[in-house]
Amino acid sequence: MSGVPSRRTAVGIDTAVCIGAGQCALAAPDVFTQDDDGFGRVLPGREDGHGSPLLREAVRACPVSAVVLRED
C-alpha cells in the first residue's frame, strides 16, 4: 500500500438544471442515459462513474452544467 488515499468519485445530474440536451449520454454512454422525457440520468450502479475515461468530457459537454462530479 502506497499510503496515498484512493479517490472516490460520485457523479449525478442536477435534475432542476437539466434541459435534456443529451450530451452526457453521447459523451459517456456507459455512465449516462436519457429517461423517457429526454432528461439525463445516471445508469443504475454507475453512480461512481464506472471508471469511465469519458466522464470529465460528459461534465464539460453539458451546456447547462447539470452533470455534477465529486471526487473525495
C-alpha atoms as a PDB file:
ATOM      1  CA  MET A   1       0.000   0.000   0.000  1.00  0.00           C
ATOM      2  CA  SER A   2       1.437   3.353  -1.006  1.00  0.00           C
ATOM      3  CA  GLY A   3      -0.104   5.451   1.730  1.00  0.00           C
ATOM      4  CA  VAL A   4      -1.931   7.567  -0.849  1.00  0.00           C
ATOM      5  CA  PRO A   5      -5.675   7.537  -0.207  1.00  0.00           C
ATOM      6  CA  SER A   6      -7.798   6.368  -3.107  1.00  0.00           C
ATOM      7  CA  ARG A   7     -10.129   8.917  -4.627  1.00  0.00           C
ATOM      8  CA  ARG A   8     -13.812   8.154  -4.630  1.00  0.00           C
ATOM      9  CA  THR A   9     -15.877   9.509  -7.472  1.00  0.00           C
ATOM     10  CA  ALA A  10     -19.575  10.308  -7.366  1.00  0.00           C
ATOM     11  CA  VAL A  11     -21.490  11.548 -10.380  1.00  0.00           C
ATOM     12  CA  GLY A  12     -25.029  12.824 -10.659  1.00  0.00           C
ATOM     13  CA  ILE A  13     -27.379  15.011 -12.649  1.00  0.00           C
ATOM     14  CA  ASP A  14     -28.928  18.148 -11.186  1.00  0.00           C
ATOM     15  CA  THR A  15     -32.473  17.497 -12.374  1.00  0.00           C
ATOM     16  CA  ALA A  16     -33.515  21.066 -11.601  1.00  0.00           C
ATOM     17  CA  VAL A  17     -30.961  22.286 -14.169  1.00  0.00           C
ATOM     18  CA  CYS A  18     -31.000  19.554 -16.845  1.00  0.00           C
ATOM     19  CA  ILE A  19     -32.616  20.591 -20.139  1.00  0.00           C
ATOM     20  CA  GLY A  20     -32.324  17.212 -21.852  1.00  0.00           C
ATOM     21  CA  ALA A  21     -29.619  18.133 -24.353  1.00  0.00           C
ATOM     22  CA  GLY A  22     -28.316  14.557 -24.137  1.00  0.00           C
ATOM     23  CA  GLN A  23     -24.648  15.464 -24.330  1.00  0.00           C
ATOM     24  CA  CYS A  24     -23.827  13.419 -21.220  1.00  0.00           C
ATOM     25  CA  ALA A  25     -25.292  10.261 -22.766  1.00  0.00           C
ATOM     26  CA  LEU A  26     -23.468  10.902 -26.043  1.00  0.00           C
ATOM     27  CA  ALA A  27     -20.130  11.584 -24.324  1.00  0.00           C
ATOM     28  CA  ALA A  28     -20.226   8.731 -21.779  1.00  0.00           C
ATOM     29  CA  PRO A  29     -22.937   6.210 -22.712  1.00  0.00           C
ATOM     30  CA  ASP A  30     -21.508   3.695 -20.244  1.00  0.00           C
ATOM     31  CA  VAL A  31     -22.484   6.039 -17.377  1.00  0.00           C
ATOM     32  CA  PHE A  32     -25.437   8.127 -18.600  1.00  0.00           C
ATOM     33  CA  THR A  33     -28.720   7.604 -20.378  1.00  0.00           C
ATOM     34  CA  GLN A  34     -31.811   9.659 -21.096  1.00  0.00           C
ATOM     35  CA  ASP A  35     -35.156   8.956 -19.465  1.00  0.00           C
ATOM     36  CA  ASP A  36     -38.482   8.741 -21.298  1.00  0.00           C
ATOM     37  CA  ASP A  37     -38.770  12.530 -21.218  1.00  0.00           C
ATOM     38  CA  GLY A  38     -35.266  13.007 -22.653  1.00  0.00           C
ATOM     39  CA  PHE A  39     -33.581  14.161 -19.447  1.00  0.00           C
ATOM     40  CA  GLY A  40     -30.169  12.846 -18.446  1.00  0.00           C
ATOM     41  CA  ARG A  41     -29.897  10.106 -15.843  1.00  0.00           C
ATOM     42  CA  VAL A  42     -27.016   8.161 -14.360  1.00  0.00           C
ATOM     43  CA  LEU A  43     -27.354   4.482 -15.180  1.00  0.00           C
ATOM     44  CA  PRO A  44     -28.145   2.291 -12.156  1.00  0.00           C
ATOM     45  CA  GLY A  45     -24.946   1.152 -10.471  1.00  0.00           C
ATOM     46  CA  ARG A  46     -22.831   3.716 -12.305  1.00  0.00           C
ATOM     47  CA  GLU A  47     -23.020   6.462  -9.672  1.00  0.00           C
ATOM     48  CA  ASP A  48     -19.277   6.028  -9.143  1.00  0.00           C
ATOM     49  CA  GLY A  49     -18.540   6.877 -12.775  1.00  0.00           C
ATOM     50  CA  HIS A  50     -17.746   3.230 -13.568  1.00  0.00           C
ATOM     51  CA  GLY A  51     -14.122   4.198 -14.248  1.00  0.00           C
ATOM     52  CA  SER A  52     -15.182   5.862 -17.479  1.00  0.00           C
ATOM     53  CA  PRO A  53     -12.370   7.806 -19.151  1.00  0.00           C
ATOM     54  CA  LEU A  54     -15.069   9.966 -20.760  1.00  0.00           C
ATOM     55  CA  LEU A  55     -16.657  11.114 -17.505  1.00  0.00           C
ATOM     56  CA  ARG A  56     -14.949  14.520 -17.458  1.00  0.00           C
ATOM     57  CA  GLU A  57     -15.873  15.015 -21.119  1.00  0.00           C
ATOM     58  CA  ALA A  58     -19.528  14.453 -20.192  1.00  0.00           C
ATOM     59  CA  VAL A  59     -19.246  17.081 -17.459  1.00  0.00           C
ATOM     60  CA  ARG A  60     -17.655  19.533 -19.891  1.00  0.00           C
ATOM     61  CA  ALA A  61     -20.146  18.791 -22.675  1.00  0.00           C
ATOM     62  CA  CYS A  62     -23.265  19.634 -20.657  1.00  0.00           C
ATOM     63  CA  PRO A  63     -24.441  23.039 -21.907  1.00  0.00           C
ATOM     64  CA  VAL A  64     -26.079  23.941 -18.579  1.00  0.00           C
ATOM     65  CA  SER A  65     -23.579  22.305 -16.166  1.00  0.00           C
ATOM     66  CA  ALA A  66     -26.167  19.833 -14.868  1.00  0.00           C
ATOM     67  CA  VAL A  67     -23.671  16.970 -14.626  1.00  0.00           C
ATOM     68  CA  VAL A  68     -22.136  17.028 -11.164  1.00  0.00           C
ATOM     69  CA  LEU A  69     -18.834  15.274 -10.476  1.00  0.00           C
ATOM     70  CA  ARG A  70     -17.457  14.982  -6.952  1.00  0.00           C
ATOM     71  CA  GLU A  71     -14.156  13.383  -6.082  1.00  0.00           C
ATOM     72  CA  ASP A  72     -13.235  12.764  -2.474  1.00  0.00           C
END
